Amino acid sequence: MRGFVMMIMVVALTAGAIPVSHAQSSDGQPPAAGKITTEAEKQICKKEKEVGSRLTSKKTCRTKAEWDEFYRLQRAETEQMQRNDMATKTPK
């Protein structure tokens, strides 16, 4: 048991020490050495459920800035639909 715990500790300590450079930029080229990515440039992937299916989902990857813009546009569209719905239901 003690050997197992030691092995886990060694793996955990060395996992962060191994450099990984498998990332590629949007044009397919590896990133330039020393290039620092900001929070807005990081890729965030989310699973979205397919409309009309309970089982399938689609993986969508965008940067944080693109997700923020996507949600802002969705919210604006929702508010517009709500305003239009209320305009047709007001008494004359």
PDB file of N, CA and C in Angstrom:
ATOM      1  N   MET A   1       0.824  -1.190   0.000  1.00  0.00           N
ATOM      2  CA  MET A   1       0.000   0.000   0.000  1.00  0.00           C
ATOM      3  C   MET A   1       0.869   1.254   0.000  1.00  0.00           C
ATOM      4  N   ARG A   2       1.932   1.239   0.804  1.00  0.00           N
ATOM      5  CA  ARG A   2       2.811   2.391   0.880  1.00  0.00           C
ATOM      6  C   ARG A   2       3.509   2.636  -0.455  1.00  0.00           C
ATOM      7  N   GLY A   3       3.877   1.568  -1.147  1.00  0.00           N
ATOM      8  CA  GLY A   3       4.509   1.692  -2.458  1.00  0.00           C
ATOM      9  C   GLY A   3       3.561   2.309  -3.480  1.00  0.00           C
ATOM     10  N   PHE A   4       2.286   1.966  -3.380  1.00  0.00           N
ATOM     11  CA  PHE A   4       1.277   2.515  -4.283  1.00  0.00           C
ATOM     12  C   PHE A   4       1.130   4.019  -4.061  1.00  0.00           C
ATOM     13  N   VAL A   5       1.100   4.429  -2.814  1.00  0.00           N
ATOM     14  CA  VAL A   5       0.973   5.846  -2.485  1.00  0.00           C
ATOM     15  C   VAL A   5       2.206   6.605  -2.979  1.00  0.00           C
ATOM     16  N   MET A   6       3.373   6.043  -2.821  1.00  0.00           N
ATOM     17  CA  MET A   6       4.603   6.685  -3.287  1.00  0.00           C
ATOM     18  C   MET A   6       4.581   6.829  -4.812  1.00  0.00           C
ATOM     19  N   MET A   7       4.114   5.794  -5.501  1.00  0.00           N
ATOM     20  CA  MET A   7       4.048   5.838  -6.954  1.00  0.00           C
ATOM     21  C   MET A   7       3.095   6.950  -7.402  1.00  0.00           C
ATOM     22  N   ILE A   8       1.963   7.090  -6.739  1.00  0.00           N
ATOM     23  CA  ILE A   8       1.003   8.143  -7.072  1.00  0.00           C
ATOM     24  C   ILE A   8       1.632   9.524  -6.860  1.00  0.00           C
ATOM     25  N   MET A   9       2.375   9.680  -5.767  1.00  0.00           N
ATOM     26  CA  MET A   9       3.018  10.956  -5.491  1.00  0.00           C
ATOM     27  C   MET A   9       4.066  11.290  -6.545  1.00  0.00           C
ATOM     28  N   VAL A  10       4.835  10.310  -6.977  1.00  0.00           N
ATOM     29  CA  VAL A  10       5.856  10.531  -7.996  1.00  0.00           C
ATOM     30  C   VAL A  10       5.203  10.929  -9.310  1.00  0.00           C
ATOM     31  N   VAL A  11       4.141  10.243  -9.677  1.00  0.00           N
ATOM     32  CA  VAL A  11       3.441  10.564 -10.921  1.00  0.00           C
ATOM     33  C   VAL A  11       2.858  11.967 -10.844  1.00  0.00           C
ATOM     34  N   ALA A  12       2.262  12.323  -9.705  1.00  0.00           N
ATOM     35  CA  ALA A  12       1.663  13.645  -9.552  1.00  0.00           C
ATOM     36  C   ALA A  12       2.715  14.743  -9.609  1.00  0.00           C
ATOM     37  N   LEU A  13       3.873  14.514  -9.015  1.00  0.00           N
ATOM     38  CA  LEU A  13       4.921  15.530  -9.014  1.00  0.00           C
ATOM     39  C   LEU A  13       5.584  15.683 -10.375  1.00  0.00           C
ATOM     40  N   THR A  14       5.733  14.606 -11.114  1.00  0.00           N
ATOM     41  CA  THR A  14       6.392  14.689 -12.417  1.00  0.00           C
ATOM     42  C   THR A  14       5.438  15.065 -13.533  1.00  0.00           C
ATOM     43  N   ALA A  15       4.151  14.990 -13.306  1.00  0.00           N
ATOM     44  CA  ALA A  15       3.185  15.308 -14.367  1.00  0.00           C
ATOM     45  C   ALA A  15       3.296  16.765 -14.796  1.00  0.00           C
ATOM     46  N   GLY A  16       3.531  17.656 -13.873  1.00  0.00           N
ATOM     47  CA  GLY A  16       3.644  19.064 -14.220  1.00  0.00           C
ATOM     48  C   GLY A  16       4.998  19.427 -14.788  1.00  0.00           C
ATOM     49  N   ALA A  17       6.003  18.574 -14.631  1.00  0.00           N
ATOM     50  CA  ALA A  17       7.354  18.894 -15.080  1.00  0.00           C
ATOM     51  C   ALA A  17       7.582  18.553 -16.545  1.00  0.00           C
ATOM     52  N   ILE A  18       6.732  17.774 -17.144  1.00  0.00           N
ATOM     53  CA  ILE A  18       6.914  17.359 -18.532  1.00  0.00           C
ATOM     54  C   ILE A  18       6.268  18.393 -19.442  1.00  0.00           C
ATOM     55  N   PRO A  19       7.051  19.052 -20.309  1.00  0.00           N
ATOM     56  CA  PRO A  19       6.451  20.053 -21.190  1.00  0.00           C
ATOM     57  C   PRO A  19       5.634  19.384 -22.292  1.00  0.00           C
ATOM     58  N   VAL A  20       4.479  19.953 -22.572  1.00  0.00           N
ATOM     59  CA  VAL A  20       3.608  19.434 -23.624  1.00  0.00           C
ATOM     60  C   VAL A  20       3.426  20.541 -24.636  1.00  0.00           C
ATOM     61  N   SER A  21       3.772  20.275 -25.889  1.00  0.00           N
ATOM     62  CA  SER A  21       3.645  21.295 -26.928  1.00  0.00           C
ATOM     63  C   SER A  21       2.918  20.723 -28.138  1.00  0.00           C
ATOM     64  N   HIS A  22       1.744  20.176 -27.902  1.00  0.00           N
ATOM     65  CA  HIS A  22       0.955  19.612 -28.988  1.00  0.00           C
ATOM     66  C   HIS A  22      -0.090  20.591 -29.487  1.00  0.00           C
ATOM     67  N   ALA A  23      -0.171  21.764 -28.878  1.00  0.00           N
ATOM     68  CA  ALA A  23      -1.181  22.745 -29.268  1.00  0.00           C
ATOM     69  C   ALA A  23      -0.838  23.348 -30.619  1.00  0.00           C
ATOM     70  N   GLN A  24      -1.880  23.665 -31.390  1.00  0.00           N
ATOM     71  CA  GLN A  24      -1.695  24.317 -32.675  1.00  0.00           C
ATOM     72  C   GLN A  24      -2.609  25.518 -32.732  1.00  0.00           C
ATOM     73  N   SER A  25      -2.208  26.510 -33.490  1.00  0.00           N
ATOM     74  CA  SER A  25      -3.035  27.693 -33.640  1.00  0.00           C
ATOM     75  C   SER A  25      -4.120  27.419 -34.671  1.00  0.00           C
ATOM     76  N   SER A  26      -4.979  28.412 -34.900  1.00  0.00           N
ATOM     77  CA  SER A  26      -6.101  28.229 -35.815  1.00  0.00           C
ATOM     78  C   SER A  26      -5.651  27.988 -37.252  1.00  0.00           C
ATOM     79  N   ASP A  27      -4.443  28.426 -37.627  1.00  0.00           N
ATOM     80  CA  ASP A  27      -3.971  28.195 -38.989  1.00  0.00           C
ATOM     81  C   ASP A  27      -3.214  26.882 -39.135  1.00  0.00           C
ATOM     82  N   GLY A  28      -3.190  26.062 -38.079  1.00  0.00           N
ATOM     83  CA  GLY A  28      -2.578  24.744 -38.145  1.00  0.00           C
ATOM     84  C   GLY A  28      -1.108  24.724 -37.793  1.00  0.00           C
ATOM     85  N   GLN A  29      -0.529  25.877 -37.520  1.00  0.00           N
ATOM     86  CA  GLN A  29       0.881  25.962 -37.185  1.00  0.00           C
ATOM     87  C   GLN A  29       1.065  25.881 -35.668  1.00  0.00           C
ATOM     88  N   PRO A  30       2.173  25.285 -35.213  1.00  0.00           N
ATOM     89  CA  PRO A  30       2.423  25.271 -33.776  1.00  0.00           C
ATOM     90  C   PRO A  30       2.644  26.689 -33.279  1.00  0.00           C
ATOM     91  N   PRO A  31       2.292  26.973 -32.021  1.00  0.00           N
ATOM     92  CA  PRO A  31       2.445  28.336 -31.516  1.00  0.00           C
ATOM     93  C   PRO A  31       3.908  28.757 -31.456  1.00  0.00           C
ATOM     94  N   ALA A  32       4.140  30.034 -31.605  1.00  0.00           N
ATOM     95  CA  ALA A  32       5.503  30.566 -31.567  1.00  0.00           C
ATOM     96  C   ALA A  32       6.059  30.446 -30.160  1.00  0.00           C
ATOM     97  N   ALA A  33       7.360  30.244 -30.076  1.00  0.00           N
ATOM     98  CA  ALA A  33       7.997  30.106 -28.767  1.00  0.00           C
ATOM     99  C   ALA A  33       7.863  31.402 -28.005  1.00  0.00           C
ATOM    100  N   GLY A  34       7.473  31.314 -26.756  1.00  0.00           N
ATOM    101  CA  GLY A  34       7.334  32.485 -25.914  1.00  0.00           C
ATOM    102  C   GLY A  34       6.021  33.224 -26.088  1.00  0.00           C
ATOM    103  N   LYS A  35       5.132  32.751 -26.934  1.00  0.00           N
ATOM    104  CA  LYS A  35       3.860  33.414 -27.136  1.00  0.00           C
ATOM    105  C   LYS A  35       2.952  33.130 -25.946  1.00  0.00           C
ATOM    106  N   ILE A  36       2.417  34.173 -25.368  1.00  0.00           N
ATOM    107  CA  ILE A  36       1.548  34.029 -24.207  1.00  0.00           C
ATOM    108  C   ILE A  36       0.120  34.252 -24.656  1.00  0.00           C
ATOM    109  N   THR A  37      -0.764  33.311 -24.352  1.00  0.00           N
ATOM    110  CA  THR A  37      -2.166  33.460 -24.715  1.00  0.00           C
ATOM    111  C   THR A  37      -2.908  34.097 -23.553  1.00  0.00           C
ATOM    112  N   THR A  38      -3.784  35.018 -23.874  1.00  0.00           N
ATOM    113  CA  THR A  38      -4.580  35.670 -22.848  1.00  0.00           C
ATOM    114  C   THR A  38      -5.818  34.828 -22.569  1.00  0.00           C
ATOM    115  N   GLU A  39      -6.568  35.224 -21.534  1.00  0.00           N
ATOM    116  CA  GLU A  39      -7.794  34.505 -21.182  1.00  0.00           C
ATOM    117  C   GLU A  39      -8.780  34.503 -22.340  1.00  0.00           C
ATOM    118  N   ALA A  40      -8.877  35.614 -23.066  1.00  0.00           N
ATOM    119  CA  ALA A  40      -9.839  35.723 -24.159  1.00  0.00           C
ATOM    120  C   ALA A  40      -9.466  34.848 -25.350  1.00  0.00           C
ATOM    121  N   GLU A  41      -8.198  34.438 -25.467  1.00  0.00           N
ATOM    122  CA  GLU A  41      -7.753  33.637 -26.601  1.00  0.00           C
ATOM    123  C   GLU A  41      -7.798  32.144 -26.325  1.00  0.00           C
ATOM    124  N   LYS A  42      -8.064  31.726 -25.093  1.00  0.00           N
ATOM    125  CA  LYS A  42      -8.095  30.301 -24.770  1.00  0.00           C
ATOM    126  C   LYS A  42      -9.324  29.639 -25.383  1.00  0.00           C
ATOM    127  N   GLN A  43      -9.134  28.444 -25.898  1.00  0.00           N
ATOM    128  CA  GLN A  43     -10.230  27.682 -26.482  1.00  0.00           C
ATOM    129  C   GLN A  43     -11.042  27.024 -25.369  1.00  0.00           C
ATOM    130  N   ILE A  44     -12.355  27.164 -25.449  1.00  0.00           N
ATOM    131  CA  ILE A  44     -13.273  26.524 -24.512  1.00  0.00           C
ATOM    132  C   ILE A  44     -14.213  25.662 -25.340  1.00  0.00           C
ATOM    133  N   CYS A  45     -14.266  24.370 -25.025  1.00  0.00           N
ATOM    134  CA  CYS A  45     -15.119  23.444 -25.758  1.00  0.00           C
ATOM    135  C   CYS A  45     -16.309  23.058 -24.888  1.00  0.00           C
ATOM    136  N   LYS A  46     -17.481  23.042 -25.499  1.00  0.00           N
ATOM    137  CA  LYS A  46     -18.704  22.682 -24.791  1.00  0.00           C
ATOM    138  C   LYS A  46     -19.488  21.708 -25.647  1.00  0.00           C
ATOM    139  N   LYS A  47     -20.204  20.794 -24.977  1.00  0.00           N
ATOM    140  CA  LYS A  47     -21.080  19.871 -25.683  1.00  0.00           C
ATOM    141  C   LYS A  47     -22.465  20.480 -25.753  1.00  0.00           C
ATOM    142  N   GLU A  48     -23.021  20.509 -26.953  1.00  0.00           N
ATOM    143  CA  GLU A  48     -24.364  21.031 -27.164  1.00  0.00           C
ATOM    144  C   GLU A  48     -25.251  19.902 -27.633  1.00  0.00           C
ATOM    145  N   LYS A  49     -26.425  19.804 -27.060  1.00  0.00           N
ATOM    146  CA  LYS A  49     -27.350  18.746 -27.453  1.00  0.00           C
ATOM    147  C   LYS A  49     -27.929  19.063 -28.828  1.00  0.00           C
ATOM    148  N   GLU A  50     -28.059  18.019 -29.626  1.00  0.00           N
ATOM    149  CA  GLU A  50     -28.669  18.162 -30.941  1.00  0.00           C
ATOM    150  C   GLU A  50     -30.173  18.328 -30.768  1.00  0.00           C
ATOM    151  N   VAL A  51     -30.754  19.226 -31.523  1.00  0.00           N
ATOM    152  CA  VAL A  51     -32.191  19.438 -31.462  1.00  0.00           C
ATOM    153  C   VAL A  51     -32.888  18.225 -32.064  1.00  0.00           C
ATOM    154  N   GLY A  52     -33.862  17.684 -31.355  1.00  0.00           N
ATOM    155  CA  GLY A  52     -34.622  16.545 -31.843  1.00  0.00           C
ATOM    156  C   GLY A  52     -34.045  15.193 -31.472  1.00  0.00           C
ATOM    157  N   SER A  53     -32.978  15.159 -30.682  1.00  0.00           N
ATOM    158  CA  SER A  53     -32.388  13.900 -30.285  1.00  0.00           C
ATOM    159  C   SER A  53     -32.006  13.949 -28.811  1.00  0.00           C
ATOM    160  N   ARG A  54     -32.266  12.861 -28.111  1.00  0.00           N
ATOM    161  CA  ARG A  54     -31.889  12.782 -26.713  1.00  0.00           C
ATOM    162  C   ARG A  54     -30.479  12.248 -26.550  1.00  0.00           C
ATOM    163  N   LEU A  55     -29.935  11.615 -27.567  1.00  0.00           N
ATOM    164  CA  LEU A  55     -28.684  10.893 -27.414  1.00  0.00           C
ATOM    165  C   LEU A  55     -27.465  11.586 -27.996  1.00  0.00           C
ATOM    166  N   THR A  56     -27.630  12.291 -29.087  1.00  0.00           N
ATOM    167  CA  THR A  56     -26.451  12.856 -29.734  1.00  0.00           C
ATOM    168  C   THR A  56     -26.151  14.261 -29.221  1.00  0.00           C
ATOM    169  N   SER A  57     -24.883  14.589 -29.214  1.00  0.00           N
ATOM    170  CA  SER A  57     -24.458  15.933 -28.857  1.00  0.00           C
ATOM    171  C   SER A  57     -23.302  16.327 -29.771  1.00  0.00           C
ATOM    172  N   LYS A  58     -23.102  17.621 -29.901  1.00  0.00           N
ATOM    173  CA  LYS A  58     -22.079  18.142 -30.787  1.00  0.00           C
ATOM    174  C   LYS A  58     -21.100  18.964 -29.950  1.00  0.00           C
ATOM    175  N   LYS A  59     -19.813  18.784 -30.196  1.00  0.00           N
ATOM    176  CA  LYS A  59     -18.785  19.524 -29.472  1.00  0.00           C
ATOM    177  C   LYS A  59     -18.464  20.800 -30.248  1.00  0.00           C
ATOM    178  N   THR A  60     -18.576  21.938 -29.561  1.00  0.00           N
ATOM    179  CA  THR A  60     -18.303  23.223 -30.175  1.00  0.00           C
ATOM    180  C   THR A  60     -17.183  23.905 -29.402  1.00  0.00           C
ATOM    181  N   CYS A  61     -16.155  24.332 -30.121  1.00  0.00           N
ATOM    182  CA  CYS A  61     -15.018  25.007 -29.495  1.00  0.00           C
ATOM    183  C   CYS A  61     -14.937  26.442 -29.999  1.00  0.00           C
ATOM    184  N   ARG A  62     -14.813  27.373 -29.060  1.00  0.00           N
ATOM    185  CA  ARG A  62     -14.668  28.791 -29.361  1.00  0.00           C
ATOM    186  C   ARG A  62     -13.765  29.412 -28.310  1.00  0.00           C
ATOM    187  N   THR A  63     -13.267  30.600 -28.602  1.00  0.00           N
ATOM    188  CA  THR A  63     -12.497  31.320 -27.597  1.00  0.00           C
ATOM    189  C   THR A  63     -13.459  31.947 -26.602  1.00  0.00           C
ATOM    190  N   LYS A  64     -12.936  32.408 -25.466  1.00  0.00           N
ATOM    191  CA  LYS A  64     -13.785  33.020 -24.453  1.00  0.00           C
ATOM    192  C   LYS A  64     -14.484  34.251 -25.016  1.00  0.00           C
ATOM    193  N   ALA A  65     -13.781  35.030 -25.799  1.00  0.00           N
ATOM    194  CA  ALA A  65     -14.383  36.221 -26.401  1.00  0.00           C
ATOM    195  C   ALA A  65     -15.522  35.842 -27.350  1.00  0.00           C
ATOM    196  N   GLU A  66     -15.334  34.768 -28.127  1.00  0.00           N
ATOM    197  CA  GLU A  66     -16.393  34.314 -29.038  1.00  0.00           C
ATOM    198  C   GLU A  66     -17.590  33.803 -28.264  1.00  0.00           C
ATOM    199  N   TRP A  67     -17.372  33.065 -27.150  1.00  0.00           N
ATOM    200  CA  TRP A  67     -18.494  32.594 -26.326  1.00  0.00           C
ATOM    201  C   TRP A  67     -19.250  33.782 -25.732  1.00  0.00           C
ATOM    202  N   ASP A  68     -18.515  34.795 -25.248  1.00  0.00           N
ATOM    203  CA  ASP A  68     -19.162  35.977 -24.676  1.00  0.00           C
ATOM    204  C   ASP A  68     -20.040  36.664 -25.712  1.00  0.00           C
ATOM    205  N   GLU A  69     -19.526  36.833 -26.928  1.00  0.00           N
ATOM    206  CA  GLU A  69     -20.301  37.448 -27.999  1.00  0.00           C
ATOM    207  C   GLU A  69     -21.505  36.591 -28.376  1.00  0.00           C
ATOM    208  N   PHE A  70     -21.334  35.270 -28.422  1.00  0.00           N
ATOM    209  CA  PHE A  70     -22.421  34.343 -28.730  1.00  0.00           C
ATOM    210  C   PHE A  70     -23.560  34.490 -27.724  1.00  0.00           C
ATOM    211  N   TYR A  71     -23.214  34.503 -26.426  1.00  0.00           N
ATOM    212  CA  TYR A  71     -24.241  34.625 -25.384  1.00  0.00           C
ATOM    213  C   TYR A  71     -24.873  36.012 -25.385  1.00  0.00           C
ATOM    214  N   ARG A  72     -24.080  37.053 -25.702  1.00  0.00           N
ATOM    215  CA  ARG A  72     -24.642  38.399 -25.773  1.00  0.00           C
ATOM    216  C   ARG A  72     -25.680  38.490 -26.897  1.00  0.00           C
ATOM    217  N   LEU A  73     -25.373  37.912 -28.059  1.00  0.00           N
ATOM    218  CA  LEU A  73     -26.312  37.921 -29.175  1.00  0.00           C
ATOM    219  C   LEU A  73     -27.560  37.104 -28.872  1.00  0.00           C
ATOM    220  N   GLN A  74     -27.386  35.950 -28.196  1.00  0.00           N
ATOM    221  CA  GLN A  74     -28.546  35.141 -27.819  1.00  0.00           C
ATOM    222  C   GLN A  74     -29.459  35.913 -26.878  1.00  0.00           C
ATOM    223  N   ARG A  75     -28.855  36.596 -25.893  1.00  0.00           N
ATOM    224  CA  ARG A  75     -29.644  37.360 -24.934  1.00  0.00           C
ATOM    225  C   ARG A  75     -30.384  38.502 -25.622  1.00  0.00           C
ATOM    226  N   ALA A  76     -29.714  39.198 -26.551  1.00  0.00           N
ATOM    227  CA  ALA A  76     -30.347  40.299 -27.278  1.00  0.00           C
ATOM    228  C   ALA A  76     -31.518  39.785 -28.114  1.00  0.00           C
ATOM    229  N   GLU A  77     -31.340  38.624 -28.739  1.00  0.00           N
ATOM    230  CA  GLU A  77     -32.422  38.043 -29.542  1.00  0.00           C
ATOM    231  C   GLU A  77     -33.603  37.641 -28.664  1.00  0.00           C
ATOM    232  N   THR A  78     -33.320  37.075 -27.501  1.00  0.00           N
ATOM    233  CA  THR A  78     -34.385  36.689 -26.577  1.00  0.00           C
ATOM    234  C   THR A  78     -35.157  37.917 -26.101  1.00  0.00           C
ATOM    235  N   GLU A  79     -34.432  38.981 -25.748  1.00  0.00           N
ATOM    236  CA  GLU A  79     -35.094  40.201 -25.303  1.00  0.00           C
ATOM    237  C   GLU A  79     -35.939  40.810 -26.413  1.00  0.00           C
ATOM    238  N   GLN A  80     -35.454  40.749 -27.650  1.00  0.00           N
ATOM    239  CA  GLN A  80     -36.215  41.276 -28.783  1.00  0.00           C
ATOM    240  C   GLN A  80     -37.506  40.480 -28.978  1.00  0.00           C
ATOM    241  N   MET A  81     -37.419  39.160 -28.878  1.00  0.00           N
ATOM    242  CA  MET A  81     -38.623  38.327 -29.015  1.00  0.00           C
ATOM    243  C   MET A  81     -39.624  38.636 -27.904  1.00  0.00           C
ATOM    244  N   GLN A  82     -39.134  38.832 -26.675  1.00  0.00           N
ATOM    245  CA  GLN A  82     -40.024  39.146 -25.562  1.00  0.00           C
ATOM    246  C   GLN A  82     -40.689  40.511 -25.755  1.00  0.00           C
ATOM    247  N   ARG A  83     -39.946  41.495 -26.251  1.00  0.00           N
ATOM    248  CA  ARG A  83     -40.530  42.811 -26.507  1.00  0.00           C
ATOM    249  C   ARG A  83     -41.598  42.726 -27.589  1.00  0.00           C
ATOM    250  N   ASN A  84     -41.318  41.975 -28.665  1.00  0.00           N
ATOM    251  CA  ASN A  84     -42.283  41.839 -29.753  1.00  0.00           C
ATOM    252  C   ASN A  84     -43.535  41.119 -29.275  1.00  0.00           C
ATOM    253  N   ASP A  85     -43.382  40.109 -28.411  1.00  0.00           N
ATOM    254  CA  ASP A  85     -44.527  39.361 -27.892  1.00  0.00           C
ATOM    255  C   ASP A  85     -45.392  40.259 -27.021  1.00  0.00           C
ATOM    256  N   MET A  86     -44.768  41.075 -26.193  1.00  0.00           N
ATOM    257  CA  MET A  86     -45.521  41.963 -25.328  1.00  0.00           C
ATOM    258  C   MET A  86     -46.228  43.054 -26.136  1.00  0.00           C
ATOM    259  N   ALA A  87     -45.648  43.470 -27.252  1.00  0.00           N
ATOM    260  CA  ALA A  87     -46.263  44.514 -28.079  1.00  0.00           C
ATOM    261  C   ALA A  87     -47.561  44.022 -28.696  1.00  0.00           C
ATOM    262  N   THR A  88     -47.645  42.751 -29.012  1.00  0.00           N
ATOM    263  CA  THR A  88     -48.857  42.212 -29.623  1.00  0.00           C
ATOM    264  C   THR A  88     -49.915  41.873 -28.591  1.00  0.00           C
ATOM    265  N   LYS A  89     -49.561  41.776 -27.312  1.00  0.00           N
ATOM    266  CA  LYS A  89     -50.518  41.398 -26.276  1.00  0.00           C
ATOM    267  C   LYS A  89     -51.047  42.578 -25.465  1.00  0.00           C
ATOM    268  N   THR A  90     -50.564  43.790 -25.738  1.00  0.00           N
ATOM    269  CA  THR A  90     -51.042  44.920 -24.964  1.00  0.00           C
ATOM    270  C   THR A  90     -52.439  45.312 -25.424  1.00  0.00           C
ATOM    271  N   PRO A  91     -53.316  45.649 -24.469  1.00  0.00           N
ATOM    272  CA  PRO A  91     -54.686  46.058 -24.853  1.00  0.00           C
ATOM    273  C   PRO A  91     -54.670  47.429 -25.519  1.00  0.00           C
ATOM    274  N   LYS A  92     -55.635  47.628 -26.407  1.00  0.00           N
ATOM    275  CA  LYS A  92     -55.700  48.901 -27.146  1.00  0.00           C
ATOM    276  C   LYS A  92     -56.725  49.817 -26.555  1.00  0.00           C
TER     277      LYS A  92
END
